[in-house]
Amino acid sequence: MSEARKSVLELEAFCVEKSPPAAYYIPDFISEKEEAYLLQEVYGAPKPKWTQLSGRRLQNWGGLPHPKGMVQEKLPPWLQTYTEKVSSLGVFGGEQANHVLVNEYRPGEGIMPHEDGPLYFPTVTTINLGSHTLLDFYHPVSRGQQMEVEEELSLQTEEQRHFLSLLLKPRSLLVLREDMYTHYLHGIRFVTEDTVTEQVANASMCGSKLGDRLQRGTRVSLTIRHVPKVLKTSIILGKRK
């Protein structure tokens, strides 16, 4: 049995059973000391690395994914260590992660429902730092195209399309693949407080109970992925070998 296959089988112990295939939640994937180190490195990055968006700001490491391919940039050692740690789980089909988005969300910030798209290997992994968040999942609007008009209209509101949430605690790792990557949208609501409801599929894995109210702090996420299509710089510059 390959090491990648063995690692994926070991990951099954962390499968979120109440979720469609497949979500894996590993609490305390890193230590408090590692969390402090990563936050120090994130906030020690040069100011030009930050891009301000509506609802969050981010850093892009590894290159800019593009349909024609990504011109790969070397990851800094502080990120390389954790891309290797995540890749060792075998979640990228034996390949190594080569791209990281660092997102910062302050209380009240979030991101609209979206999908990660085809530029990445169909698995997304996230190391959570600083504060919890609630990641919400939605049926896409296109799901209604096969239904009667009345049923399709009933799926248009965001709230009606929401069907599941995952609670992400500090220092945890989340892995999404299969249908959870390809079939559904995910987003984070623009709120300062989250309530644990019956829709939080991994509440027991987080030590949380129904009705818990959690105040958000500033959260930093490391979204670690593999971009399969990488271009050689020499080809980009027209210097074919």
C-alpha atoms as a PDB file:
ATOM      1  CA  MET A   1       0.000   0.000   0.000  1.00  0.00           C
ATOM      2  CA  SER A   2       1.358   3.423  -0.979  1.00  0.00           C
ATOM      3  CA  GLU A   3       2.100   5.976   1.741  1.00  0.00           C
ATOM      4  CA  ALA A   4      -0.456   8.352   0.213  1.00  0.00           C
ATOM      5  CA  ARG A   5      -3.181   5.694   0.315  1.00  0.00           C
ATOM      6  CA  LYS A   6      -2.243   4.731   3.877  1.00  0.00           C
ATOM      7  CA  SER A   7      -2.452   8.366   5.007  1.00  0.00           C
ATOM      8  CA  VAL A   8      -5.887   8.833   3.433  1.00  0.00           C
ATOM      9  CA  LEU A   9      -7.159   5.734   5.224  1.00  0.00           C
ATOM     10  CA  GLU A  10      -5.846   7.114   8.536  1.00  0.00           C
ATOM     11  CA  LEU A  11      -7.652  10.367   7.778  1.00  0.00           C
ATOM     12  CA  GLU A  12     -10.964   8.469   7.769  1.00  0.00           C
ATOM     13  CA  ALA A  13     -10.906   8.526  11.588  1.00  0.00           C
ATOM     14  CA  PHE A  14     -11.610  12.269  11.342  1.00  0.00           C
ATOM     15  CA  CYS A  15     -14.428  12.053   8.778  1.00  0.00           C
ATOM     16  CA  VAL A  16     -17.478  14.217   9.565  1.00  0.00           C
ATOM     17  CA  GLU A  17     -20.191  11.560   9.431  1.00  0.00           C
ATOM     18  CA  LYS A  18     -23.116  13.988   9.162  1.00  0.00           C
ATOM     19  CA  SER A  19     -21.611  15.629   6.074  1.00  0.00           C
ATOM     20  CA  PRO A  20     -21.864  14.559   2.427  1.00  0.00           C
ATOM     21  CA  PRO A  21     -18.633  13.032   1.127  1.00  0.00           C
ATOM     22  CA  ALA A  22     -16.225  14.160   2.206  1.00  0.00           C
ATOM     23  CA  ALA A  23     -15.260  16.501   5.028  1.00  0.00           C
ATOM     24  CA  TYR A  24     -12.502  15.724   7.550  1.00  0.00           C
ATOM     25  CA  TYR A  25     -11.971  17.740  10.706  1.00  0.00           C
ATOM     26  CA  ILE A  26      -8.787  17.299  12.753  1.00  0.00           C
ATOM     27  CA  PRO A  27      -8.808  19.263  16.037  1.00  0.00           C
ATOM     28  CA  ASP A  28      -5.441  20.424  17.395  1.00  0.00           C
ATOM     29  CA  PHE A  29      -3.638  19.667  14.144  1.00  0.00           C
ATOM     30  CA  ILE A  30      -0.993  22.112  15.352  1.00  0.00           C
ATOM     31  CA  SER A  31       0.072  23.164  18.848  1.00  0.00           C
ATOM     32  CA  GLU A  32      -0.449  26.544  20.533  1.00  0.00           C
ATOM     33  CA  LYS A  33       3.261  27.223  20.059  1.00  0.00           C
ATOM     34  CA  GLU A  34       2.992  26.514  16.323  1.00  0.00           C
ATOM     35  CA  GLU A  35      -0.095  28.704  16.089  1.00  0.00           C
ATOM     36  CA  ALA A  36       1.753  31.619  17.729  1.00  0.00           C
ATOM     37  CA  TYR A  37       4.702  31.076  15.367  1.00  0.00           C
ATOM     38  CA  LEU A  38       2.495  31.077  12.271  1.00  0.00           C
ATOM     39  CA  LEU A  39       0.640  34.213  13.354  1.00  0.00           C
ATOM     40  CA  GLN A  40       3.985  35.922  13.977  1.00  0.00           C
ATOM     41  CA  GLU A  41       5.133  35.047  10.455  1.00  0.00           C
ATOM     42  CA  VAL A  42       1.834  36.127   8.866  1.00  0.00           C
ATOM     43  CA  TYR A  43       1.940  39.534  10.488  1.00  0.00           C
ATOM     44  CA  GLY A  44       5.676  39.844   9.905  1.00  0.00           C
ATOM     45  CA  ALA A  45       5.221  39.567   6.136  1.00  0.00           C
ATOM     46  CA  PRO A  46       5.983  42.687   4.050  1.00  0.00           C
ATOM     47  CA  LYS A  47       3.023  45.059   3.782  1.00  0.00           C
ATOM     48  CA  PRO A  48       2.862  44.753  -0.044  1.00  0.00           C
ATOM     49  CA  LYS A  49       1.976  41.045   0.399  1.00  0.00           C
ATOM     50  CA  TRP A  50      -1.444  42.066   1.763  1.00  0.00           C
ATOM     51  CA  THR A  51      -4.380  42.598  -0.594  1.00  0.00           C
ATOM     52  CA  GLN A  52      -7.499  44.232   0.835  1.00  0.00           C
ATOM     53  CA  LEU A  53     -10.781  42.758  -0.391  1.00  0.00           C
ATOM     54  CA  SER A  54     -14.383  43.321   0.607  1.00  0.00           C
ATOM     55  CA  GLY A  55     -14.830  41.443   3.867  1.00  0.00           C
ATOM     56  CA  ARG A  56     -11.248  40.286   4.375  1.00  0.00           C
ATOM     57  CA  ARG A  57      -7.623  40.797   3.437  1.00  0.00           C
ATOM     58  CA  LEU A  58      -5.238  38.156   2.136  1.00  0.00           C
ATOM     59  CA  GLN A  59      -1.727  37.157   1.180  1.00  0.00           C
ATOM     60  CA  ASN A  60      -1.014  35.010  -1.900  1.00  0.00           C
ATOM     61  CA  TRP A  61       1.952  32.620  -1.781  1.00  0.00           C
ATOM     62  CA  GLY A  62       3.245  30.196  -4.411  1.00  0.00           C
ATOM     63  CA  GLY A  63       2.134  32.010  -7.544  1.00  0.00           C
ATOM     64  CA  LEU A  64      -1.042  33.261  -9.218  1.00  0.00           C
ATOM     65  CA  PRO A  65      -3.295  30.388 -10.398  1.00  0.00           C
ATOM     66  CA  HIS A  66      -4.405  30.896 -14.010  1.00  0.00           C
ATOM     67  CA  PRO A  67      -6.261  28.712 -16.571  1.00  0.00           C
ATOM     68  CA  LYS A  68      -3.093  28.624 -18.697  1.00  0.00           C
ATOM     69  CA  GLY A  69      -1.010  27.563 -15.719  1.00  0.00           C
ATOM     70  CA  MET A  70       0.683  29.023 -12.660  1.00  0.00           C
ATOM     71  CA  VAL A  71       4.194  30.434 -12.703  1.00  0.00           C
ATOM     72  CA  GLN A  72       5.367  28.849  -9.490  1.00  0.00           C
ATOM     73  CA  GLU A  73       7.127  30.866  -6.811  1.00  0.00           C
ATOM     74  CA  LYS A  74       9.057  29.276  -3.978  1.00  0.00           C
ATOM     75  CA  LEU A  75       7.154  29.172  -0.700  1.00  0.00           C
ATOM     76  CA  PRO A  76       8.864  30.696   2.349  1.00  0.00           C
ATOM     77  CA  PRO A  77      10.196  28.123   4.848  1.00  0.00           C
ATOM     78  CA  TRP A  78       7.481  28.896   7.425  1.00  0.00           C
ATOM     79  CA  LEU A  79       4.805  27.890   4.933  1.00  0.00           C
ATOM     80  CA  GLN A  80       6.777  25.071   3.311  1.00  0.00           C
ATOM     81  CA  THR A  81       6.879  23.228   6.635  1.00  0.00           C
ATOM     82  CA  TYR A  82       3.091  23.142   6.868  1.00  0.00           C
ATOM     83  CA  THR A  83       2.381  22.456   3.212  1.00  0.00           C
ATOM     84  CA  GLU A  84       4.583  19.378   3.617  1.00  0.00           C
ATOM     85  CA  LYS A  85       2.784  18.392   6.816  1.00  0.00           C
ATOM     86  CA  VAL A  86      -0.613  18.611   5.115  1.00  0.00           C
ATOM     87  CA  SER A  87       0.617  16.922   1.912  1.00  0.00           C
ATOM     88  CA  SER A  88       1.923  13.995   3.967  1.00  0.00           C
ATOM     89  CA  LEU A  89      -1.713  13.074   4.647  1.00  0.00           C
ATOM     90  CA  GLY A  90      -1.991  12.025   0.998  1.00  0.00           C
ATOM     91  CA  VAL A  91      -4.882  14.403   0.304  1.00  0.00           C
ATOM     92  CA  PHE A  92      -3.459  15.675  -3.003  1.00  0.00           C
ATOM     93  CA  GLY A  93      -3.134  12.289  -4.656  1.00  0.00           C
ATOM     94  CA  GLY A  94       0.508  11.933  -3.683  1.00  0.00           C
ATOM     95  CA  GLU A  95       1.424  15.404  -4.964  1.00  0.00           C
ATOM     96  CA  GLN A  96       2.782  18.252  -2.846  1.00  0.00           C
ATOM     97  CA  ALA A  97       0.796  21.393  -2.064  1.00  0.00           C
ATOM     98  CA  ASN A  98       2.278  24.368  -3.922  1.00  0.00           C
ATOM     99  CA  HIS A  99      -0.095  27.245  -3.187  1.00  0.00           C
ATOM    100  CA  VAL A 100      -1.272  28.986  -0.009  1.00  0.00           C
ATOM    101  CA  LEU A 101      -3.784  31.771   0.545  1.00  0.00           C
ATOM    102  CA  VAL A 102      -3.532  33.475   3.923  1.00  0.00           C
ATOM    103  CA  ASN A 103      -6.877  35.089   4.806  1.00  0.00           C
ATOM    104  CA  GLU A 104      -7.543  37.430   7.711  1.00  0.00           C
ATOM    105  CA  TYR A 105     -11.127  37.873   8.935  1.00  0.00           C
ATOM    106  CA  ARG A 106     -11.908  40.368  11.663  1.00  0.00           C
ATOM    107  CA  PRO A 107     -15.144  40.065  13.675  1.00  0.00           C
ATOM    108  CA  GLY A 108     -18.071  40.826  11.373  1.00  0.00           C
ATOM    109  CA  GLU A 109     -16.147  39.983   8.198  1.00  0.00           C
ATOM    110  CA  GLY A 110     -16.826  37.023   5.914  1.00  0.00           C
ATOM    111  CA  ILE A 111     -16.998  35.785   2.341  1.00  0.00           C
ATOM    112  CA  MET A 112     -19.970  35.197   0.037  1.00  0.00           C
ATOM    113  CA  PRO A 113     -20.829  31.595  -0.978  1.00  0.00           C
ATOM    114  CA  HIS A 114     -18.426  30.428  -3.677  1.00  0.00           C
ATOM    115  CA  GLU A 115     -16.589  27.421  -5.080  1.00  0.00           C
ATOM    116  CA  ASP A 116     -12.832  27.016  -5.432  1.00  0.00           C
ATOM    117  CA  GLY A 117     -13.041  25.982  -9.080  1.00  0.00           C
ATOM    118  CA  PRO A 118     -11.077  23.786 -11.510  1.00  0.00           C
ATOM    119  CA  LEU A 119      -7.640  25.431 -11.265  1.00  0.00           C
ATOM    120  CA  TYR A 120      -6.850  23.348  -8.182  1.00  0.00           C
ATOM    121  CA  PHE A 121      -6.618  19.642  -7.446  1.00  0.00           C
ATOM    122  CA  PRO A 122     -10.164  18.913  -6.136  1.00  0.00           C
ATOM    123  CA  THR A 123      -9.215  19.074  -2.462  1.00  0.00           C
ATOM    124  CA  VAL A 124      -8.929  22.134  -0.236  1.00  0.00           C
ATOM    125  CA  THR A 125      -7.271  22.105   3.186  1.00  0.00           C
ATOM    126  CA  THR A 126      -7.422  24.863   5.791  1.00  0.00           C
ATOM    127  CA  ILE A 127      -5.418  25.426   8.966  1.00  0.00           C
ATOM    128  CA  ASN A 128      -7.369  27.693  11.303  1.00  0.00           C
ATOM    129  CA  LEU A 129      -5.598  30.255  13.530  1.00  0.00           C
ATOM    130  CA  GLY A 130      -6.590  32.791  16.161  1.00  0.00           C
ATOM    131  CA  SER A 131     -10.369  32.424  16.367  1.00  0.00           C
ATOM    132  CA  HIS A 132     -13.148  30.042  15.475  1.00  0.00           C
ATOM    133  CA  THR A 133     -15.456  30.532  12.511  1.00  0.00           C
ATOM    134  CA  LEU A 134     -18.535  28.847  11.118  1.00  0.00           C
ATOM    135  CA  LEU A 135     -18.169  27.671   7.524  1.00  0.00           C
ATOM    136  CA  ASP A 136     -21.556  27.408   5.812  1.00  0.00           C
ATOM    137  CA  PHE A 137     -22.433  25.170   2.854  1.00  0.00           C
ATOM    138  CA  TYR A 138     -25.084  25.815   0.208  1.00  0.00           C
ATOM    139  CA  HIS A 139     -26.757  24.053  -2.688  1.00  0.00           C
ATOM    140  CA  PRO A 140     -25.847  25.907  -5.892  1.00  0.00           C
ATOM    141  CA  VAL A 141     -28.618  27.801  -7.651  1.00  0.00           C
ATOM    142  CA  SER A 142     -28.093  25.633 -10.754  1.00  0.00           C
ATOM    143  CA  ARG A 143     -29.400  22.654  -8.789  1.00  0.00           C
ATOM    144  CA  GLY A 144     -32.887  24.073  -9.404  1.00  0.00           C
ATOM    145  CA  GLN A 145     -32.599  23.924 -13.185  1.00  0.00           C
ATOM    146  CA  GLN A 146     -33.934  20.366 -13.202  1.00  0.00           C
ATOM    147  CA  MET A 147     -36.984  21.247 -11.101  1.00  0.00           C
ATOM    148  CA  GLU A 148     -40.332  22.874 -11.645  1.00  0.00           C
ATOM    149  CA  VAL A 149     -40.276  26.662 -11.848  1.00  0.00           C
ATOM    150  CA  GLU A 150     -41.855  27.068  -8.398  1.00  0.00           C
ATOM    151  CA  GLU A 151     -39.291  24.762  -6.792  1.00  0.00           C
ATOM    152  CA  GLU A 152     -36.438  26.479  -8.581  1.00  0.00           C
ATOM    153  CA  LEU A 153     -37.521  29.869  -7.287  1.00  0.00           C
ATOM    154  CA  SER A 154     -37.710  28.475  -3.760  1.00  0.00           C
ATOM    155  CA  LEU A 155     -33.988  27.710  -3.925  1.00  0.00           C
ATOM    156  CA  GLN A 156     -32.925  31.195  -4.923  1.00  0.00           C
ATOM    157  CA  THR A 157     -32.528  32.684  -1.447  1.00  0.00           C
ATOM    158  CA  GLU A 158     -29.227  32.056   0.264  1.00  0.00           C
ATOM    159  CA  GLU A 159     -30.865  31.002   3.523  1.00  0.00           C
ATOM    160  CA  GLN A 160     -33.018  28.385   1.811  1.00  0.00           C
ATOM    161  CA  ARG A 161     -30.029  26.932  -0.020  1.00  0.00           C
ATOM    162  CA  HIS A 162     -28.000  26.633   3.212  1.00  0.00           C
ATOM    163  CA  PHE A 163     -28.011  23.026   4.443  1.00  0.00           C
ATOM    164  CA  LEU A 164     -24.960  22.452   6.663  1.00  0.00           C
ATOM    165  CA  SER A 165     -22.244  24.229   8.678  1.00  0.00           C
ATOM    166  CA  LEU A 166     -18.846  23.216  10.041  1.00  0.00           C
ATOM    167  CA  LEU A 167     -17.359  24.776  13.160  1.00  0.00           C
ATOM    168  CA  LEU A 168     -13.646  25.471  12.774  1.00  0.00           C
ATOM    169  CA  LYS A 169     -11.789  25.925  16.036  1.00  0.00           C
ATOM    170  CA  PRO A 170      -8.285  27.433  16.355  1.00  0.00           C
ATOM    171  CA  ARG A 171      -5.410  25.059  15.468  1.00  0.00           C
ATOM    172  CA  SER A 172      -7.700  22.675  13.581  1.00  0.00           C
ATOM    173  CA  LEU A 173      -7.325  21.340  10.045  1.00  0.00           C
ATOM    174  CA  LEU A 174     -10.268  21.022   7.656  1.00  0.00           C
ATOM    175  CA  VAL A 175     -10.076  18.883   4.511  1.00  0.00           C
ATOM    176  CA  LEU A 176     -12.808  19.073   1.855  1.00  0.00           C
ATOM    177  CA  ARG A 177     -12.886  16.758  -1.153  1.00  0.00           C
ATOM    178  CA  GLU A 178     -15.259  14.862  -3.464  1.00  0.00           C
ATOM    179  CA  ASP A 179     -18.828  16.270  -3.425  1.00  0.00           C
ATOM    180  CA  MET A 180     -18.028  18.767  -0.669  1.00  0.00           C
ATOM    181  CA  TYR A 181     -15.502  20.327  -3.049  1.00  0.00           C
ATOM    182  CA  THR A 182     -17.238  19.950  -6.403  1.00  0.00           C
ATOM    183  CA  HIS A 183     -21.002  20.064  -5.697  1.00  0.00           C
ATOM    184  CA  TYR A 184     -21.546  22.732  -3.056  1.00  0.00           C
ATOM    185  CA  LEU A 185     -20.749  26.362  -2.349  1.00  0.00           C
ATOM    186  CA  HIS A 186     -19.149  27.473   0.916  1.00  0.00           C
ATOM    187  CA  GLY A 187     -19.024  30.836   2.647  1.00  0.00           C
ATOM    188  CA  ILE A 188     -18.684  32.671   5.961  1.00  0.00           C
ATOM    189  CA  ARG A 189     -21.432  34.955   7.228  1.00  0.00           C
ATOM    190  CA  PHE A 190     -20.698  38.587   8.055  1.00  0.00           C
ATOM    191  CA  VAL A 191     -21.466  38.344  11.783  1.00  0.00           C
ATOM    192  CA  THR A 192     -19.662  38.814  15.101  1.00  0.00           C
ATOM    193  CA  GLU A 193     -21.244  35.832  16.890  1.00  0.00           C
ATOM    194  CA  ASP A 194     -22.095  32.260  15.899  1.00  0.00           C
ATOM    195  CA  THR A 195     -24.628  29.923  17.458  1.00  0.00           C
ATOM    196  CA  VAL A 196     -24.249  26.142  17.413  1.00  0.00           C
ATOM    197  CA  THR A 197     -27.400  24.705  15.841  1.00  0.00           C
ATOM    198  CA  GLU A 198     -28.454  21.262  14.622  1.00  0.00           C
ATOM    199  CA  GLN A 199     -26.946  22.167  11.242  1.00  0.00           C
ATOM    200  CA  VAL A 200     -23.399  22.234  12.672  1.00  0.00           C
ATOM    201  CA  ALA A 201     -22.361  18.755  11.557  1.00  0.00           C
ATOM    202  CA  ASN A 202     -19.129  18.486  13.555  1.00  0.00           C
ATOM    203  CA  ALA A 203     -20.209  20.110  16.849  1.00  0.00           C
ATOM    204  CA  SER A 204     -19.400  17.017  18.925  1.00  0.00           C
ATOM    205  CA  MET A 205     -15.913  16.819  17.360  1.00  0.00           C
ATOM    206  CA  CYS A 206     -15.311  20.369  18.625  1.00  0.00           C
ATOM    207  CA  GLY A 207     -16.570  19.746  22.148  1.00  0.00           C
ATOM    208  CA  SER A 208     -19.487  22.102  21.501  1.00  0.00           C
ATOM    209  CA  LYS A 209     -23.149  21.620  22.313  1.00  0.00           C
ATOM    210  CA  LEU A 210     -26.430  22.838  20.905  1.00  0.00           C
ATOM    211  CA  GLY A 211     -27.107  26.466  21.770  1.00  0.00           C
ATOM    212  CA  ASP A 212     -23.504  27.497  22.440  1.00  0.00           C
ATOM    213  CA  ARG A 213     -22.899  31.112  21.433  1.00  0.00           C
ATOM    214  CA  LEU A 214     -19.374  31.895  20.267  1.00  0.00           C
ATOM    215  CA  GLN A 215     -17.948  35.398  19.920  1.00  0.00           C
ATOM    216  CA  ARG A 216     -15.631  35.789  16.960  1.00  0.00           C
ATOM    217  CA  GLY A 217     -12.157  37.246  17.284  1.00  0.00           C
ATOM    218  CA  THR A 218      -9.686  37.925  14.474  1.00  0.00           C
ATOM    219  CA  ARG A 219      -9.200  34.718  12.502  1.00  0.00           C
ATOM    220  CA  VAL A 220      -6.368  33.843  10.137  1.00  0.00           C
ATOM    221  CA  SER A 221      -6.705  30.861   7.813  1.00  0.00           C
ATOM    222  CA  LEU A 222      -4.038  29.104   5.776  1.00  0.00           C
ATOM    223  CA  THR A 223      -5.769  27.663   2.711  1.00  0.00           C
ATOM    224  CA  ILE A 224      -3.358  25.078   1.335  1.00  0.00           C
ATOM    225  CA  ARG A 225      -3.921  23.601  -2.123  1.00  0.00           C
ATOM    226  CA  HIS A 226      -2.194  21.932  -5.077  1.00  0.00           C
ATOM    227  CA  VAL A 227      -2.206  23.641  -8.474  1.00  0.00           C
ATOM    228  CA  PRO A 228      -1.590  20.844 -11.032  1.00  0.00           C
ATOM    229  CA  LYS A 229      -0.830  23.062 -14.031  1.00  0.00           C
ATOM    230  CA  VAL A 230       2.509  24.781 -13.449  1.00  0.00           C
ATOM    231  CA  LEU A 231       4.360  26.660 -16.192  1.00  0.00           C
ATOM    232  CA  LYS A 232       8.103  26.819 -16.548  1.00  0.00           C
ATOM    233  CA  THR A 233       9.360  30.399 -16.308  1.00  0.00           C
ATOM    234  CA  SER A 234      11.550  29.839 -19.341  1.00  0.00           C
ATOM    235  CA  ILE A 235       8.485  29.147 -21.499  1.00  0.00           C
ATOM    236  CA  ILE A 236       6.722  32.266 -20.201  1.00  0.00           C
ATOM    237  CA  LEU A 237       9.755  34.353 -21.152  1.00  0.00           C
ATOM    238  CA  GLY A 238       9.902  32.742 -24.582  1.00  0.00           C
ATOM    239  CA  LYS A 239      13.152  30.927 -23.841  1.00  0.00           C
ATOM    240  CA  ARG A 240      12.238  27.423 -24.764  1.00  0.00           C
ATOM    241  CA  LYS A 241      14.928  24.895 -23.922  1.00  0.00           C
END
